[in-house]
């Protein structure tokens, strides 16, 4: 991801507007986006999708 224009944000969301593509973060920052990924959980389970362990990359490994 180092050579891409993607940005990673981690934090609490207090409000979102899907029509306007806006997200308000708990630190007061307002983000607008083209693509939005909301990921929750504590671990990446690569065993539930066939061959994911072979082909997928997790944020922890990037």
PDB file of N, CA and C in Angstrom:
ATOM      1  N   UNK A   1       0.814  -1.198   0.000  1.00  0.00           N
ATOM      2  CA  UNK A   1       0.000   0.000   0.000  1.00  0.00           C
ATOM      3  C   UNK A   1       0.854   1.256   0.000  1.00  0.00           C
ATOM      4  N   UNK A   2       2.144   1.104   0.215  1.00  0.00           N
ATOM      5  CA  UNK A   2       3.005   2.278   0.290  1.00  0.00           C
ATOM      6  C   UNK A   2       3.005   3.078  -1.008  1.00  0.00           C
ATOM      7  N   UNK A   3       2.817   2.418  -2.139  1.00  0.00           N
ATOM      8  CA  UNK A   3       2.834   3.108  -3.426  1.00  0.00           C
ATOM      9  C   UNK A   3       1.445   3.506  -3.914  1.00  0.00           C
ATOM     10  N   UNK A   4       0.434   3.331  -3.082  1.00  0.00           N
ATOM     11  CA  UNK A   4      -0.929   3.668  -3.494  1.00  0.00           C
ATOM     12  C   UNK A   4      -1.372   4.978  -2.838  1.00  0.00           C
ATOM     13  N   UNK A   5      -2.546   5.451  -3.237  1.00  0.00           N
ATOM     14  CA  UNK A   5      -3.108   6.650  -2.639  1.00  0.00           C
ATOM     15  C   UNK A   5      -4.043   6.311  -1.481  1.00  0.00           C
ATOM     16  N   UNK A   6      -4.127   5.034  -1.120  1.00  0.00           N
ATOM     17  CA  UNK A   6      -5.000   4.611  -0.024  1.00  0.00           C
ATOM     18  C   UNK A   6      -4.471   5.149   1.303  1.00  0.00           C
ATOM     19  N   UNK A   7      -5.393   5.512   2.184  1.00  0.00           N
ATOM     20  CA  UNK A   7      -5.031   5.985   3.518  1.00  0.00           C
ATOM     21  C   UNK A   7      -5.724   5.103   4.534  1.00  0.00           C
ATOM     22  N   UNK A   8      -5.031   4.809   5.603  1.00  0.00           N
ATOM     23  CA  UNK A   8      -5.560   3.971   6.675  1.00  0.00           C
ATOM     24  C   UNK A   8      -5.895   4.845   7.863  1.00  0.00           C
ATOM     25  N   UNK A   9      -7.123   4.723   8.369  1.00  0.00           N
ATOM     26  CA  UNK A   9      -7.559   5.427   9.576  1.00  0.00           C
ATOM     27  C   UNK A   9      -8.064   4.393  10.564  1.00  0.00           C
ATOM     28  N   UNK A  10      -7.728   4.581  11.802  1.00  0.00           N
ATOM     29  CA  UNK A  10      -8.242   3.715  12.858  1.00  0.00           C
ATOM     30  C   UNK A  10      -8.828   4.595  13.942  1.00  0.00           C
ATOM     31  N   UNK A  11     -10.091   4.351  14.277  1.00  0.00           N
ATOM     32  CA  UNK A  11     -10.721   5.159  15.300  1.00  0.00           C
ATOM     33  C   UNK A  11     -12.205   4.907  15.355  1.00  0.00           C
ATOM     34  N   UNK A  12     -12.843   5.549  16.299  1.00  0.00           N
ATOM     35  CA  UNK A  12     -14.275   5.387  16.467  1.00  0.00           C
ATOM     36  C   UNK A  12     -15.057   6.295  15.543  1.00  0.00           C
ATOM     37  N   UNK A  13     -16.120   5.752  14.986  1.00  0.00           N
ATOM     38  CA  UNK A  13     -17.005   6.520  14.117  1.00  0.00           C
ATOM     39  C   UNK A  13     -18.202   6.971  14.943  1.00  0.00           C
ATOM     40  N   UNK A  14     -18.495   8.275  14.886  1.00  0.00           N
ATOM     41  CA  UNK A  14     -19.656   8.764  15.636  1.00  0.00           C
ATOM     42  C   UNK A  14     -20.863   8.999  14.734  1.00  0.00           C
ATOM     43  N   UNK A  15     -20.612   9.146  13.418  1.00  0.00           N
ATOM     44  CA  UNK A  15     -21.702   9.386  12.486  1.00  0.00           C
ATOM     45  C   UNK A  15     -21.216   9.082  11.076  1.00  0.00           C
ATOM     46  N   UNK A  16     -22.140   8.672  10.215  1.00  0.00           N
ATOM     47  CA  UNK A  16     -21.791   8.465   8.814  1.00  0.00           C
ATOM     48  C   UNK A  16     -22.964   8.862   7.933  1.00  0.00           C
ATOM     49  N   UNK A  17     -22.650   9.325   6.744  1.00  0.00           N
ATOM     50  CA  UNK A  17     -23.653   9.670   5.753  1.00  0.00           C
ATOM     51  C   UNK A  17     -23.269   8.953   4.466  1.00  0.00           C
ATOM     52  N   UNK A  18     -23.942   7.835   4.189  1.00  0.00           N
ATOM     53  CA  UNK A  18     -23.594   7.013   3.041  1.00  0.00           C
ATOM     54  C   UNK A  18     -23.902   7.703   1.719  1.00  0.00           C
ATOM     55  N   UNK A  19     -24.965   8.500   1.671  1.00  0.00           N
ATOM     56  CA  UNK A  19     -25.313   9.208   0.437  1.00  0.00           C
ATOM     57  C   UNK A  19     -24.267  10.254   0.061  1.00  0.00           C
ATOM     58  N   UNK A  20     -23.766  10.963   1.059  1.00  0.00           N
ATOM     59  CA  UNK A  20     -22.752  11.995   0.809  1.00  0.00           C
ATOM     60  C   UNK A  20     -21.336  11.456   0.918  1.00  0.00           C
ATOM     61  N   UNK A  21     -21.207  10.190   1.322  1.00  0.00           N
ATOM     62  CA  UNK A  21     -19.899   9.530   1.497  1.00  0.00           C
ATOM     63  C   UNK A  21     -19.018  10.277   2.489  1.00  0.00           C
ATOM     64  N   UNK A  22     -19.584  10.535   3.672  1.00  0.00           N
ATOM     65  CA  UNK A  22     -18.870  11.218   4.743  1.00  0.00           C
ATOM     66  C   UNK A  22     -18.887  10.369   6.003  1.00  0.00           C
ATOM     67  N   UNK A  23     -17.803  10.437   6.749  1.00  0.00           N
ATOM     68  CA  UNK A  23     -17.695   9.747   8.038  1.00  0.00           C
ATOM     69  C   UNK A  23     -17.137  10.731   9.049  1.00  0.00           C
ATOM     70  N   UNK A  24     -17.792  10.853  10.199  1.00  0.00           N
ATOM     71  CA  UNK A  24     -17.309  11.691  11.293  1.00  0.00           C
ATOM     72  C   UNK A  24     -16.616  10.794  12.313  1.00  0.00           C
ATOM     73  N   UNK A  25     -15.360  11.086  12.604  1.00  0.00           N
ATOM     74  CA  UNK A  25     -14.607  10.314  13.585  1.00  0.00           C
ATOM     75  C   UNK A  25     -14.701  10.968  14.961  1.00  0.00           C
ATOM     76  N   UNK A  26     -14.458  10.179  15.998  1.00  0.00           N
ATOM     77  CA  UNK A  26     -14.569  10.684  17.357  1.00  0.00           C
ATOM     78  C   UNK A  26     -13.536  11.757  17.685  1.00  0.00           C
ATOM     79  N   UNK A  27     -12.459  11.839  16.896  1.00  0.00           N
ATOM     80  CA  UNK A  27     -11.455  12.880  17.140  1.00  0.00           C
ATOM     81  C   UNK A  27     -11.822  14.203  16.464  1.00  0.00           C
ATOM     82  N   UNK A  28     -13.044  14.277  15.839  1.00  0.00           N
ATOM     83  CA  UNK A  28     -13.506  15.494  15.203  1.00  0.00           C
ATOM     84  C   UNK A  28     -13.223  15.564  13.718  1.00  0.00           C
ATOM     85  N   UNK A  29     -12.423  14.658  13.218  1.00  0.00           N
ATOM     86  CA  UNK A  29     -12.086  14.651  11.798  1.00  0.00           C
ATOM     87  C   UNK A  29     -13.280  14.177  10.969  1.00  0.00           C
ATOM     88  N   UNK A  30     -13.485  14.805   9.811  1.00  0.00           N
ATOM     89  CA  UNK A  30     -14.533  14.410   8.882  1.00  0.00           C
ATOM     90  C   UNK A  30     -13.856  13.909   7.606  1.00  0.00           C
ATOM     91  N   UNK A  31     -14.183  12.689   7.233  1.00  0.00           N
ATOM     92  CA  UNK A  31     -13.563  12.081   6.062  1.00  0.00           C
ATOM     93  C   UNK A  31     -14.581  11.949   4.947  1.00  0.00           C
ATOM     94  N   UNK A  32     -14.163  12.264   3.725  1.00  0.00           N
ATOM     95  CA  UNK A  32     -14.966  11.895   2.572  1.00  0.00           C
ATOM     96  C   UNK A  32     -14.205  10.785   1.846  1.00  0.00           C
ATOM     97  N   UNK A  33     -14.933   9.931   1.161  1.00  0.00           N
ATOM     98  CA  UNK A  33     -14.298   8.731   0.618  1.00  0.00           C
ATOM     99  C   UNK A  33     -14.892   8.324  -0.712  1.00  0.00           C
ATOM    100  N   UNK A  34     -14.107   7.562  -1.465  1.00  0.00           N
ATOM    101  CA  UNK A  34     -14.577   6.896  -2.677  1.00  0.00           C
ATOM    102  C   UNK A  34     -14.999   5.477  -2.330  1.00  0.00           C
ATOM    103  N   UNK A  35     -14.155   4.786  -1.585  1.00  0.00           N
ATOM    104  CA  UNK A  35     -14.430   3.433  -1.106  1.00  0.00           C
ATOM    105  C   UNK A  35     -14.226   3.407   0.394  1.00  0.00           C
ATOM    106  N   UNK A  36     -15.103   2.748   1.088  1.00  0.00           N
ATOM    107  CA  UNK A  36     -15.054   2.719   2.550  1.00  0.00           C
ATOM    108  C   UNK A  36     -15.077   1.278   3.014  1.00  0.00           C
ATOM    109  N   UNK A  37     -14.110   0.906   3.845  1.00  0.00           N
ATOM    110  CA  UNK A  37     -14.054  -0.441   4.413  1.00  0.00           C
ATOM    111  C   UNK A  37     -14.185  -0.306   5.919  1.00  0.00           C
ATOM    112  N   UNK A  38     -15.207  -0.908   6.468  1.00  0.00           N
ATOM    113  CA  UNK A  38     -15.404  -0.937   7.907  1.00  0.00           C
ATOM    114  C   UNK A  38     -15.075  -2.349   8.357  1.00  0.00           C
ATOM    115  N   UNK A  39     -14.013  -2.490   9.118  1.00  0.00           N
ATOM    116  CA  UNK A  39     -13.569  -3.808   9.548  1.00  0.00           C
ATOM    117  C   UNK A  39     -13.573  -3.861  11.070  1.00  0.00           C
ATOM    118  N   UNK A  40     -14.205  -4.853  11.618  1.00  0.00           N
ATOM    119  CA  UNK A  40     -14.236  -5.043  13.061  1.00  0.00           C
ATOM    120  C   UNK A  40     -13.734  -6.441  13.389  1.00  0.00           C
ATOM    121  N   UNK A  41     -13.295  -6.609  14.594  1.00  0.00           N
ATOM    122  CA  UNK A  41     -12.819  -7.915  15.015  1.00  0.00           C
ATOM    123  C   UNK A  41     -11.399  -7.844  15.520  1.00  0.00           C
ATOM    124  N   UNK A  42     -10.943  -8.963  16.009  1.00  0.00           N
ATOM    125  CA  UNK A  42      -9.599  -8.967  16.581  1.00  0.00           C
ATOM    126  C   UNK A  42      -8.619  -9.840  15.834  1.00  0.00           C
ATOM    127  N   UNK A  43      -9.098 -10.650  14.917  1.00  0.00           N
ATOM    128  CA  UNK A  43      -8.186 -11.525  14.202  1.00  0.00           C
ATOM    129  C   UNK A  43      -8.649 -11.773  12.782  1.00  0.00           C
ATOM    130  N   UNK A  44      -7.712 -12.139  11.951  1.00  0.00           N
ATOM    131  CA  UNK A  44      -8.018 -12.435  10.562  1.00  0.00           C
ATOM    132  C   UNK A  44      -8.072 -13.941  10.385  1.00  0.00           C
ATOM    133  N   UNK A  45      -9.252 -14.437  10.040  1.00  0.00           N
ATOM    134  CA  UNK A  45      -9.426 -15.874   9.849  1.00  0.00           C
ATOM    135  C   UNK A  45      -9.324 -16.195   8.364  1.00  0.00           C
ATOM    136  N   UNK A  46      -8.176 -16.668   7.978  1.00  0.00           N
ATOM    137  CA  UNK A  46      -7.959 -17.005   6.579  1.00  0.00           C
ATOM    138  C   UNK A  46      -8.395 -18.428   6.253  1.00  0.00           C
ATOM    139  N   UNK A  47      -8.844 -19.163   7.247  1.00  0.00           N
ATOM    140  CA  UNK A  47      -9.224 -20.558   7.024  1.00  0.00           C
ATOM    141  C   UNK A  47     -10.671 -20.719   6.566  1.00  0.00           C
ATOM    142  N   UNK A  48     -11.468 -19.672   6.568  1.00  0.00           N
ATOM    143  CA  UNK A  48     -12.878 -19.812   6.221  1.00  0.00           C
ATOM    144  C   UNK A  48     -13.148 -19.642   4.726  1.00  0.00           C
ATOM    145  N   UNK A  49     -12.203 -19.101   3.994  1.00  0.00           N
ATOM    146  CA  UNK A  49     -12.336 -18.953   2.548  1.00  0.00           C
ATOM    147  C   UNK A  49     -11.261 -19.817   1.890  1.00  0.00           C
ATOM    148  N   UNK A  50     -11.665 -20.712   1.013  1.00  0.00           N
ATOM    149  CA  UNK A  50     -10.684 -21.576   0.371  1.00  0.00           C
ATOM    150  C   UNK A  50      -9.558 -20.784  -0.301  1.00  0.00           C
ATOM    151  N   UNK A  51      -8.346 -21.157  -0.013  1.00  0.00           N
ATOM    152  CA  UNK A  51      -7.108 -20.597  -0.574  1.00  0.00           C
ATOM    153  C   UNK A  51      -6.819 -19.154  -0.156  1.00  0.00           C
ATOM    154  N   UNK A  52      -7.579 -18.612   0.768  1.00  0.00           N
ATOM    155  CA  UNK A  52      -7.326 -17.244   1.230  1.00  0.00           C
ATOM    156  C   UNK A  52      -5.956 -17.140   1.884  1.00  0.00           C
ATOM    157  N   UNK A  53      -5.570 -18.140   2.630  1.00  0.00           N
ATOM    158  CA  UNK A  53      -4.259 -18.110   3.288  1.00  0.00           C
ATOM    159  C   UNK A  53      -3.130 -18.032   2.262  1.00  0.00           C
ATOM    160  N   UNK A  54      -3.385 -18.573   1.095  1.00  0.00           N
ATOM    161  CA  UNK A  54      -2.371 -18.576   0.043  1.00  0.00           C
ATOM    162  C   UNK A  54      -2.310 -17.246  -0.710  1.00  0.00           C
ATOM    163  N   UNK A  55      -3.462 -16.585  -0.881  1.00  0.00           N
ATOM    164  CA  UNK A  55      -3.528 -15.404  -1.741  1.00  0.00           C
ATOM    165  C   UNK A  55      -3.840 -14.084  -1.048  1.00  0.00           C
ATOM    166  N   UNK A  56      -4.446 -14.106   0.122  1.00  0.00           N
ATOM    167  CA  UNK A  56      -4.868 -12.866   0.785  1.00  0.00           C
ATOM    168  C   UNK A  56      -3.716 -12.228   1.543  1.00  0.00           C
ATOM    169  N   UNK A  57      -3.807 -10.918   1.702  1.00  0.00           N
ATOM    170  CA  UNK A  57      -2.848 -10.179   2.518  1.00  0.00           C
ATOM    171  C   UNK A  57      -3.648  -9.417   3.562  1.00  0.00           C
ATOM    172  N   UNK A  58      -3.224  -9.480   4.784  1.00  0.00           N
ATOM    173  CA  UNK A  58      -3.916  -8.785   5.867  1.00  0.00           C
ATOM    174  C   UNK A  58      -3.196  -7.467   6.164  1.00  0.00           C
ATOM    175  N   UNK A  59      -3.887  -6.576   6.878  1.00  0.00           N
ATOM    176  CA  UNK A  59      -3.240  -5.305   7.244  1.00  0.00           C
ATOM    177  C   UNK A  59      -2.027  -5.545   8.115  1.00  0.00           C
ATOM    178  N   UNK A  60      -2.061  -6.602   8.897  1.00  0.00           N
ATOM    179  CA  UNK A  60      -0.916  -6.886   9.772  1.00  0.00           C
ATOM    180  C   UNK A  60       0.327  -7.283   8.994  1.00  0.00           C
ATOM    181  N   UNK A  61       0.146  -7.762   7.746  1.00  0.00           N
ATOM    182  CA  UNK A  61       1.298  -8.203   6.965  1.00  0.00           C
ATOM    183  C   UNK A  61       1.739  -7.198   5.924  1.00  0.00           C
ATOM    184  N   UNK A  62       0.993  -6.122   5.709  1.00  0.00           N
ATOM    185  CA  UNK A  62       1.364  -5.145   4.680  1.00  0.00           C
ATOM    186  C   UNK A  62       2.496  -4.255   5.141  1.00  0.00           C
TER     187      UNK A  62
END
